[in-house]
Protein backbone atom coordinates (compact mmCIF):
# COMPACT_ATOMS: atom_id res chain seq x y z
CA MET A 1 -0.20 0.01 0.15
CA ILE A 2 1.55 3.09 -1.19
CA GLY A 3 2.03 5.70 1.84
CA ALA A 4 1.87 3.35 4.62
CA MET A 5 5.00 2.82 7.01
CA THR A 6 7.03 -0.06 7.35
CA THR A 7 7.40 -1.04 10.72
CA LEU A 8 10.92 -0.06 10.86
CA GLU A 9 10.04 3.85 9.38
CA ARG A 10 7.08 3.22 12.29
CA ALA A 11 9.63 2.57 15.11
CA GLU A 12 12.31 5.70 13.82
CA ALA A 13 9.40 7.67 13.93
CA ALA A 14 8.60 6.52 17.60
CA GLU A 15 12.32 7.06 18.55
CA ARG A 16 12.02 10.60 17.10
CA ALA A 17 9.14 11.26 18.94
CA MET A 18 10.95 10.44 21.96
CA SER A 19 13.73 12.13 21.39
CA GLU A 20 11.39 15.41 20.64
CA GLU A 21 9.88 14.70 24.17
CA LEU A 22 12.99 14.33 26.11
CA ASP A 23 14.28 17.22 25.34
CA ARG A 24 11.37 19.17 26.71
CA VAL A 25 11.88 20.48 30.03
CA VAL A 26 10.19 18.84 32.88
CA VAL A 27 9.37 20.59 35.90
CA LYS A 28 7.66 19.12 39.34
CA SER A 29 4.39 20.84 40.79
CA VAL A 30 4.64 22.42 44.61
CA LEU A 31 2.93 19.15 45.54
CA PHE A 32 5.77 17.13 45.50
CA THR A 33 8.04 19.86 46.45
CA SER A 34 6.72 21.21 49.47
CA GLY A 35 8.38 20.43 52.74
CA GLU A 36 11.76 20.27 50.61
CA GLN A 37 11.72 23.99 49.91
CA ASP A 38 8.90 26.57 50.78
CA PRO A 39 6.12 26.83 49.08
CA THR A 40 5.79 30.35 49.49
CA LYS A 41 9.14 30.94 47.77
CA PRO A 42 9.63 31.12 44.04
CA ALA A 43 10.40 27.66 42.77
CA PRO A 44 13.58 27.02 41.10
CA ARG A 45 12.88 26.55 37.89
CA PRO A 46 15.38 24.37 35.69
CA PRO A 47 17.39 26.00 32.54
CA ASP A 48 15.61 26.20 29.46
CA GLN A 49 18.46 27.13 27.26
CA GLY A 50 15.48 27.52 24.63
CA ARG A 51 13.95 24.15 24.92
CA LEU A 52 9.83 23.64 25.08
CA TYR A 53 7.91 22.78 28.29
CA LEU A 54 5.94 19.11 28.39
CA MET A 55 2.92 19.50 27.49
CA GLY A 56 2.03 15.72 27.28
CA PRO A 57 2.89 12.31 28.81
CA ASP A 58 6.35 12.16 30.28
CA PRO A 59 8.42 9.80 28.07
CA ARG A 60 9.63 8.51 31.27
CA LEU A 61 6.94 6.77 32.27
CA PRO A 62 5.25 3.77 30.41
CA ARG A 63 3.16 5.08 27.33
CA MET A 64 -0.63 4.46 28.68
CA PRO A 65 -3.09 3.45 26.40
CA ASP A 66 -5.04 5.91 24.35
CA LYS A 67 -8.29 4.67 26.16
CA PRO A 68 -7.53 3.14 29.84
CA THR A 69 -8.73 1.44 31.27
CA LEU A 70 -8.84 0.36 35.41
CA LEU A 71 -6.71 -2.64 34.65
CA ASP A 72 -4.44 -0.25 32.51
CA PHE A 73 -4.03 1.86 35.63
CA PHE A 74 -2.76 -1.54 37.85
CA LYS A 75 0.22 -2.41 35.09
CA TYR A 76 1.16 1.32 34.21
CA ARG A 77 0.70 3.43 37.00
CA PHE A 78 -0.41 1.95 40.41
CA ALA A 79 2.86 0.54 42.38
CA PRO A 80 3.59 -2.73 42.31
CA ALA A 81 0.39 -3.82 43.57
CA ASN A 82 0.94 -7.25 45.50
CA HIS A 83 -0.29 -5.61 48.44
CA LEU A 84 -3.92 -4.79 47.39
CA MET A 85 -4.21 -8.14 45.30
CA GLN A 86 -3.03 -10.08 48.21
CA SER A 87 -5.64 -8.08 50.23
CA ALA A 88 -8.47 -8.97 47.70
CA ARG A 89 -7.40 -12.64 47.79
CA LEU A 90 -7.70 -12.82 51.38
CA ALA A 91 -11.13 -11.14 51.65
CA GLN A 92 -11.83 -13.64 48.41
CA LYS A 93 -10.94 -16.62 50.77
CA SER A 94 -12.84 -15.46 53.64
CA GLY A 95 -15.91 -15.94 51.63
CA ALA A 96 -16.43 -11.74 51.23
CA GLY A 97 -18.79 -10.90 48.35
CA GLU A 98 -17.39 -8.99 45.03
CA LYS A 99 -18.09 -5.73 46.10
CA ILE A 100 -16.01 -6.36 49.20
CA ILE A 101 -13.44 -8.06 47.55
CA LEU A 102 -13.24 -4.97 44.96
CA ALA A 103 -13.05 -2.56 47.66
CA CYS A 104 -10.09 -4.08 48.80
CA LEU A 105 -8.52 -4.71 45.63
CA LEU A 106 -9.14 -0.59 44.88
CA HIS A 107 -8.45 0.56 48.64
CA ASP A 108 -4.93 2.35 48.49
CA ILE A 109 -5.44 2.90 44.98
CA ALA A 110 -4.04 6.76 46.18
CA ILE A 111 -1.13 5.81 47.77
CA ALA A 112 0.22 3.11 44.57
CA GLY A 113 -0.71 6.04 41.90
CA PHE A 114 -1.26 9.66 43.38
CA ILE A 115 -1.19 10.62 46.89
CA ARG A 116 -0.10 9.74 50.53
CA SER A 117 -2.14 12.04 52.25
CA ASP A 118 -5.84 11.10 53.34
CA HIS A 119 -5.34 8.01 51.02
CA GLY A 120 -8.78 6.86 51.75
CA TYR A 121 -10.64 10.46 50.98
CA TRP A 122 -8.38 10.68 47.50
CA GLY A 123 -9.14 6.68 46.66
CA ALA A 124 -13.16 7.08 47.24
CA GLN A 125 -13.38 10.30 45.18
CA LEU A 126 -11.31 8.84 41.94
CA LEU A 127 -14.00 5.76 42.01
CA GLU A 128 -16.74 7.15 42.85
CA PRO A 129 -17.84 7.50 39.40
CA TYR A 130 -17.42 4.25 38.49
CA VAL A 131 -18.44 1.76 41.66
CA ASP A 132 -21.52 1.24 43.65
CA ALA A 133 -21.92 3.78 46.40
CA GLU A 134 -20.97 1.47 48.90
CA VAL A 135 -17.56 0.15 47.76
CA SER A 136 -16.18 3.96 47.87
CA TRP A 137 -18.09 4.38 51.14
CA ALA A 138 -15.84 1.94 52.37
CA ILE A 139 -12.82 2.76 50.76
CA ARG A 140 -13.32 6.33 52.29
CA HIS A 141 -13.75 5.40 55.92
CA HIS A 142 -11.20 2.54 55.80
CA GLN A 143 -8.95 5.82 56.35
CA ALA A 144 -10.16 5.72 59.66
CA LEU A 145 -11.42 3.30 61.22
CA ARG A 146 -8.04 1.34 60.43
CA PHE A 147 -6.98 3.38 63.61
CA TYR A 148 -9.53 2.03 66.10
CA ALA A 149 -10.04 -1.95 67.25
CA ASP A 150 -12.89 -4.12 66.61
CA GLU A 151 -12.36 -6.94 68.73
CA SER A 152 -15.84 -8.30 67.57
CA VAL A 153 -14.21 -9.19 63.74
CA GLY A 154 -10.77 -9.81 65.11
CA TYR A 155 -9.27 -6.60 63.67
CA SER A 156 -6.44 -4.84 66.55
CA TYR A 157 -4.77 -1.84 66.14
CA PRO A 158 -1.55 -2.67 63.63
CA ALA A 159 1.52 -3.27 65.54
CA MET A 160 3.37 -1.71 62.52
CA TYR A 161 1.51 1.71 63.27
CA VAL A 162 3.13 2.16 66.53
CA LYS A 163 6.30 1.02 64.20
CA LEU A 164 5.73 3.39 61.89
CA PHE A 165 4.18 6.54 64.17
CA GLY A 166 5.36 5.93 67.50
CA PRO A 167 3.17 4.10 70.59
CA ASP A 168 1.87 7.87 71.57
CA TYR A 169 0.61 8.72 67.98
CA LYS A 170 -3.31 9.92 67.95
CA PRO A 171 -5.14 10.53 65.11
CA ASP A 172 -6.25 13.79 64.25
CA ALA A 173 -9.72 14.96 65.50
CA TYR A 174 -11.40 14.97 62.09
CA ILE A 175 -10.32 11.03 61.70
CA GLU A 176 -11.84 10.57 65.14
CA ARG A 177 -14.77 12.45 64.18
CA ALA A 178 -15.52 10.19 60.80
CA TYR A 179 -14.12 6.99 63.24
CA HIS A 180 -17.34 7.93 65.26
CA GLU A 181 -19.81 8.44 62.63
CA ALA A 182 -18.26 5.53 60.48
CA ARG A 183 -19.61 2.85 63.57
CA GLU A 184 -23.53 4.20 63.30
CA HIS A 185 -23.64 3.54 59.93
CA ARG A 186 -25.13 0.52 58.09
CA TRP A 187 -22.19 0.08 56.05
CA TYR A 188 -19.82 0.60 58.46
CA MET A 189 -18.96 -3.31 58.44
CA SER A 190 -18.14 -2.96 54.69
CA SER A 191 -15.23 -0.67 55.67
CA ARG A 192 -14.30 -2.55 58.69
CA LEU A 193 -13.94 -5.86 56.49
CA ILE A 194 -11.40 -3.71 54.47
CA CYS A 195 -9.30 -3.16 57.64
CA VAL A 196 -9.69 -7.05 58.73
CA ASN A 197 -8.11 -8.45 55.34
CA ASP A 198 -5.54 -5.62 54.66
CA LEU A 199 -2.43 -7.32 54.69
CA TYR A 200 -0.13 -4.96 56.63
CA SER A 201 2.82 -7.83 56.51
CA PHE A 202 1.99 -8.96 53.14
CA ASP A 203 4.60 -11.53 52.20
CA PRO A 204 6.64 -10.70 48.78
CA THR A 205 7.11 -13.61 47.82
CA VAL A 206 3.47 -14.51 47.39
CA GLN A 207 2.34 -13.58 43.36
CA VAL A 208 -1.12 -12.77 42.70
CA ARG A 209 -2.06 -12.24 39.03
CA LEU A 210 -3.96 -9.47 38.46
CA GLU A 211 -6.16 -11.42 35.81
CA GLU A 212 -8.00 -13.17 39.00
CA PHE A 213 -9.75 -10.41 39.22
CA THR A 214 -10.89 -9.11 35.79
CA ASP A 215 -14.20 -10.75 36.16
CA ILE A 216 -15.01 -9.15 39.52
CA VAL A 217 -13.74 -5.70 37.61
CA GLY A 218 -16.16 -6.19 34.66
CA ARG A 219 -18.68 -7.00 37.00
CA ASN A 220 -18.52 -4.01 39.54
CA PHE A 221 -16.28 -1.23 37.37
CA ARG A 222 -18.11 1.30 35.28
CA GLN A 223 -15.77 1.31 32.84
CA PRO A 224 -16.05 4.57 30.53
CA LYS A 225 -15.95 3.63 26.58
CA GLU A 226 -14.13 6.79 26.00
CA GLY A 227 -11.28 5.03 28.80
CA LEU A 228 -10.58 6.62 32.86
CA GLY A 229 -9.48 10.38 32.24
CA PHE A 230 -11.51 11.46 28.81
CA ASP A 231 -15.01 10.41 29.97
CA GLY A 232 -16.25 13.83 31.19
CA SER A 233 -16.54 12.62 34.97
CA PRO A 234 -16.11 14.64 37.76
CA THR A 235 -12.74 12.76 38.45
CA ALA A 236 -11.51 12.33 34.96
CA HIS A 237 -8.94 15.13 35.60
CA MET A 238 -7.49 13.27 38.37
CA TRP A 239 -6.90 9.94 36.35
CA ARG A 240 -5.69 12.69 34.04
CA THR A 241 -3.00 13.54 36.20
CA ILE A 242 -2.32 10.06 36.76
CA ILE A 243 -1.78 9.41 33.18
CA ALA A 244 0.91 12.74 32.93
CA PRO A 245 1.87 13.69 35.66
CA THR A 246 4.51 16.06 34.58
CA LYS A 247 2.42 17.90 32.33
CA TYR A 248 3.60 21.44 32.52
CA LEU A 249 -0.19 23.06 32.69
């Protein structure tokens, strides 16, 4: 076919495009430098030397599909997800329903691919347009419940938190309020089951395949046909930020 690119030509074109992207200036947002430098002071800017600024995908990151699915984010943007998948498998083995298994699989995606602070709230907000309200509620409130024991289901305050935060750590007032509110909610146990199945000492030698949860995700996650980030949902911009986190504007 006249005009069609050969495999070699496509590879060379991709390499040229990558080279051009690598030559662009990549900057970090204030969020990623706050604490390391004073955010009230002008941010140091790298010398551009006449170069253009990055306004697309970061060439240092794996390229996302044009219409990314939730599973694509697991493959290309979320940190190694053994913890999430082992938690979901534990919930599955304990006989939990599909909504709880999905909640366990997704409960820490904010940490895995976006931000650590208030990760339960961020994760729930990311997911709200695409999952049952019970799932997003449970993910939001595991943020608070994990700090409080419930011996009726065998959940104790994690020993790992003593190691990480010290024996005298006390959750913030808004976390304590959220805990008491959650205790009175009809979905309390759904959120508590995330904590019960949250493997704080997961085994790095145990491998769980993401494909084990394909059917559960397919039945319980409303994947937009346009792809996550491009469907116009209230959280699409958050998914786009995960796709291209160093885009200048």
